C-alpha atoms as a PDB file:
ATOM      1  CA  UNK A   1       0.132  -0.239   0.026  1.00  0.00           C
ATOM      2  CA  UNK A   2       3.006   2.314   0.694  1.00  0.00           C
ATOM      3  CA  UNK A   3       3.583   2.237  -2.968  1.00  0.00           C
ATOM      4  CA  UNK A   4       0.439   3.240  -4.312  1.00  0.00           C
ATOM      5  CA  UNK A   5       1.491   6.536  -4.392  1.00  0.00           C
ATOM      6  CA  UNK A   6       4.666   6.171  -6.387  1.00  0.00           C
ATOM      7  CA  UNK A   7       2.606   4.226  -8.926  1.00  0.00           C
ATOM      8  CA  UNK A   8       0.128   7.003  -9.483  1.00  0.00           C
ATOM      9  CA  UNK A   9       2.611   9.496  -9.622  1.00  0.00           C
ATOM     10  CA  UNK A  10       4.514   7.388 -12.280  1.00  0.00           C
ATOM     11  CA  UNK A  11       1.471   6.388 -14.259  1.00  0.00           C
ATOM     12  CA  UNK A  12       0.373  10.332 -14.279  1.00  0.00           C
ATOM     13  CA  UNK A  13       3.777  11.615 -15.348  1.00  0.00           C
ATOM     14  CA  UNK A  14       4.131   8.719 -17.988  1.00  0.00           C
ATOM     15  CA  UNK A  15       0.718   9.457 -19.641  1.00  0.00           C
ATOM     16  CA  UNK A  16       1.611  13.444 -19.366  1.00  0.00           C
ATOM     17  CA  UNK A  17       4.888  12.828 -21.157  1.00  0.00           C
ATOM     18  CA  UNK A  18       3.687  10.464 -23.687  1.00  0.00           C
ATOM     19  CA  UNK A  19       0.544  12.803 -24.582  1.00  0.00           C
ATOM     20  CA  UNK A  20       2.788  15.693 -24.853  1.00  0.00           C
ATOM     21  CA  UNK A  21       5.455  13.859 -27.058  1.00  0.00           C
ATOM     22  CA  UNK A  22       2.278  12.616 -29.404  1.00  0.00           C
ATOM     23  CA  UNK A  23      -0.054  15.338 -29.371  1.00  0.00           C
ATOM     24  CA  UNK A  24       1.526  18.713 -28.175  1.00  0.00           C
ATOM     25  CA  UNK A  25      -1.195  21.048 -28.998  1.00  0.00           C
ATOM     26  CA  UNK A  26      -3.340  19.321 -26.523  1.00  0.00           C
ATOM     27  CA  UNK A  27      -1.203  20.198 -23.770  1.00  0.00           C
ATOM     28  CA  UNK A  28      -1.242  23.965 -24.810  1.00  0.00           C
ATOM     29  CA  UNK A  29      -5.196  24.333 -25.538  1.00  0.00           C
ATOM     30  CA  UNK A  30      -5.657  23.593 -21.874  1.00  0.00           C
ATOM     31  CA  UNK A  31      -4.716  26.667 -21.338  1.00  0.00           C
ATOM     32  CA  UNK A  32      -5.699  29.017 -24.167  1.00  0.00           C
ATOM     33  CA  UNK A  33      -2.624  28.256 -26.607  1.00  0.00           C
ATOM     34  CA  UNK A  34      -4.325  26.880 -29.765  1.00  0.00           C
ATOM     35  CA  UNK A  35      -1.171  27.415 -32.129  1.00  0.00           C
ATOM     36  CA  UNK A  36       2.343  26.408 -31.946  1.00  0.00           C
ATOM     37  CA  UNK A  37       5.320  26.983 -33.972  1.00  0.00           C
ATOM     38  CA  UNK A  38       8.045  24.271 -34.476  1.00  0.00           C
ATOM     39  CA  UNK A  39       9.802  25.644 -31.336  1.00  0.00           C
ATOM     40  CA  UNK A  40       6.733  25.419 -29.329  1.00  0.00           C
ATOM     41  CA  UNK A  41       6.192  21.971 -30.296  1.00  0.00           C
ATOM     42  CA  UNK A  42       9.616  21.311 -29.373  1.00  0.00           C
ATOM     43  CA  UNK A  43       9.277  23.151 -26.014  1.00  0.00           C
ATOM     44  CA  UNK A  44       6.390  20.970 -25.076  1.00  0.00           C
ATOM     45  CA  UNK A  45       7.611  17.662 -25.838  1.00  0.00           C
ATOM     46  CA  UNK A  46      10.821  18.519 -24.137  1.00  0.00           C
ATOM     47  CA  UNK A  47       9.481  20.149 -20.937  1.00  0.00           C
ATOM     48  CA  UNK A  48       6.298  18.008 -20.623  1.00  0.00           C
ATOM     49  CA  UNK A  49       7.213  15.079 -22.568  1.00  0.00           C
ATOM     50  CA  UNK A  50      10.765  14.008 -21.690  1.00  0.00           C
ATOM     51  CA  UNK A  51      10.497  15.337 -18.469  1.00  0.00           C
ATOM     52  CA  UNK A  52       7.067  13.483 -17.443  1.00  0.00           C
ATOM     53  CA  UNK A  53       8.450  10.327 -19.134  1.00  0.00           C
ATOM     54  CA  UNK A  54      11.687  10.402 -17.593  1.00  0.00           C
ATOM     55  CA  UNK A  55      10.190  11.265 -14.179  1.00  0.00           C
ATOM     56  CA  UNK A  56       8.201   8.245 -14.305  1.00  0.00           C
ATOM     57  CA  UNK A  57      11.087   6.277 -15.196  1.00  0.00           C
ATOM     58  CA  UNK A  58      12.691   7.625 -12.096  1.00  0.00           C
ATOM     59  CA  UNK A  59       9.717   6.661  -9.719  1.00  0.00           C
ATOM     60  CA  UNK A  60       9.857   3.131 -11.326  1.00  0.00           C
ATOM     61  CA  UNK A  61      13.620   2.899 -10.423  1.00  0.00           C
ATOM     62  CA  UNK A  62      12.707   3.928  -7.015  1.00  0.00           C
ATOM     63  CA  UNK A  63      10.305   1.047  -6.822  1.00  0.00           C
ATOM     64  CA  UNK A  64      12.911  -1.349  -7.829  1.00  0.00           C
ATOM     65  CA  UNK A  65      15.919   0.097  -5.841  1.00  0.00           C
ATOM     66  CA  UNK A  66      15.437   0.418  -1.953  1.00  0.00           C
ATOM     67  CA  UNK A  67      18.354   2.368  -1.504  1.00  0.00           C
ATOM     68  CA  UNK A  68      17.135   5.142  -4.191  1.00  0.00           C
ATOM     69  CA  UNK A  69      13.941   5.246  -3.291  1.00  0.00           C
ATOM     70  CA  UNK A  70      13.959   8.366  -0.812  1.00  0.00           C
ATOM     71  CA  UNK A  71      15.830  10.735  -2.971  1.00  0.00           C
ATOM     72  CA  UNK A  72      13.898  10.002  -5.978  1.00  0.00           C
ATOM     73  CA  UNK A  73      10.630   9.924  -3.984  1.00  0.00           C
ATOM     74  CA  UNK A  74      11.721  13.376  -2.539  1.00  0.00           C
ATOM     75  CA  UNK A  75      12.939  14.742  -5.557  1.00  0.00           C
ATOM     76  CA  UNK A  76       9.581  14.068  -7.448  1.00  0.00           C
ATOM     77  CA  UNK A  77       7.628  15.492  -4.874  1.00  0.00           C
ATOM     78  CA  UNK A  78       9.648  18.710  -4.957  1.00  0.00           C
ATOM     79  CA  UNK A  79       9.211  18.898  -8.750  1.00  0.00           C
ATOM     80  CA  UNK A  80       5.240  18.802  -8.245  1.00  0.00           C
ATOM     81  CA  UNK A  81       5.360  21.166  -5.366  1.00  0.00           C
ATOM     82  CA  UNK A  82       7.500  23.650  -7.449  1.00  0.00           C
ATOM     83  CA  UNK A  83       5.009  23.631 -10.369  1.00  0.00           C
ATOM     84  CA  UNK A  84       2.321  24.267  -7.862  1.00  0.00           C
ATOM     85  CA  UNK A  85       4.026  26.999  -6.100  1.00  0.00           C
ATOM     86  CA  UNK A  86       4.880  28.340  -9.729  1.00  0.00           C
ATOM     87  CA  UNK A  87       1.175  28.388 -10.469  1.00  0.00           C
ATOM     88  CA  UNK A  88       0.429  29.999  -6.669  1.00  0.00           C
ATOM     89  CA  UNK A  89       3.045  33.075  -7.389  1.00  0.00           C
ATOM     90  CA  UNK A  90       1.498  33.244 -10.873  1.00  0.00           C
ATOM     91  CA  UNK A  91      -2.005  33.532  -9.408  1.00  0.00           C
ATOM     92  CA  UNK A  92      -0.741  36.345  -6.940  1.00  0.00           C
ATOM     93  CA  UNK A  93       0.905  38.078  -9.468  1.00  0.00           C
ATOM     94  CA  UNK A  94      -2.142  38.129 -11.832  1.00  0.00           C
ATOM     95  CA  UNK A  95      -4.428  38.307  -9.274  1.00  0.00           C
ATOM     96  CA  UNK A  96      -6.511  35.583 -10.844  1.00  0.00           C
ATOM     97  CA  UNK A  97      -6.127  31.688 -11.827  1.00  0.00           C
ATOM     98  CA  UNK A  98      -8.350  29.790 -14.347  1.00  0.00           C
ATOM     99  CA  UNK A  99     -10.114  26.534 -13.552  1.00  0.00           C
ATOM    100  CA  UNK A 100      -7.231  24.345 -15.942  1.00  0.00           C
ATOM    101  CA  UNK A 101      -4.235  25.687 -13.673  1.00  0.00           C
ATOM    102  CA  UNK A 102      -6.109  25.810 -10.291  1.00  0.00           C
ATOM    103  CA  UNK A 103      -6.939  22.085 -11.232  1.00  0.00           C
ATOM    104  CA  UNK A 104      -3.347  21.197 -11.898  1.00  0.00           C
ATOM    105  CA  UNK A 105      -2.335  23.087  -8.931  1.00  0.00           C
ATOM    106  CA  UNK A 106      -4.548  20.782  -6.621  1.00  0.00           C
ATOM    107  CA  UNK A 107      -3.162  17.636  -8.364  1.00  0.00           C
ATOM    108  CA  UNK A 108       0.081  18.819  -8.068  1.00  0.00           C
ATOM    109  CA  UNK A 109      -0.013  19.332  -4.087  1.00  0.00           C
ATOM    110  CA  UNK A 110      -2.129  16.375  -3.545  1.00  0.00           C
ATOM    111  CA  UNK A 111       0.297  13.865  -5.524  1.00  0.00           C
ATOM    112  CA  UNK A 112       3.332  15.526  -3.844  1.00  0.00           C
ATOM    113  CA  UNK A 113       2.103  15.314  -0.416  1.00  0.00           C
ATOM    114  CA  UNK A 114       1.070  11.269  -1.137  1.00  0.00           C
ATOM    115  CA  UNK A 115       4.503  11.172  -2.485  1.00  0.00           C
ATOM    116  CA  UNK A 116       6.076  12.518   0.970  1.00  0.00           C
ATOM    117  CA  UNK A 117       3.641   9.746   2.452  1.00  0.00           C
ATOM    118  CA  UNK A 118       5.500   6.987   0.558  1.00  0.00           C
ATOM    119  CA  UNK A 119       8.800   7.796   1.938  1.00  0.00           C
END
């Protein structure tokens, strides 16, 4: 049961990553960005795609290698918390937050806390 948060986070990262690599516009359309140049698609594939897939792989390694588990899980939780913090700072600066970013903020905080519980 202690591994469940790791499996959930791993699955989420891999699904996000694969989706971003295959259909980068689906990622940005959620935030009102409806067109991407080749450079924009490259950025989405790198930041959401490559990052997400390799975070998922890292969490798989954490499940297989007990000596690495704590560091990988903590770093993954920090990455999620950092994304949530960036959304919160943006909301404070802009004095608003749309439903999509708010939903992802909540998910990122929840999964970060779940990962911490798996330490």
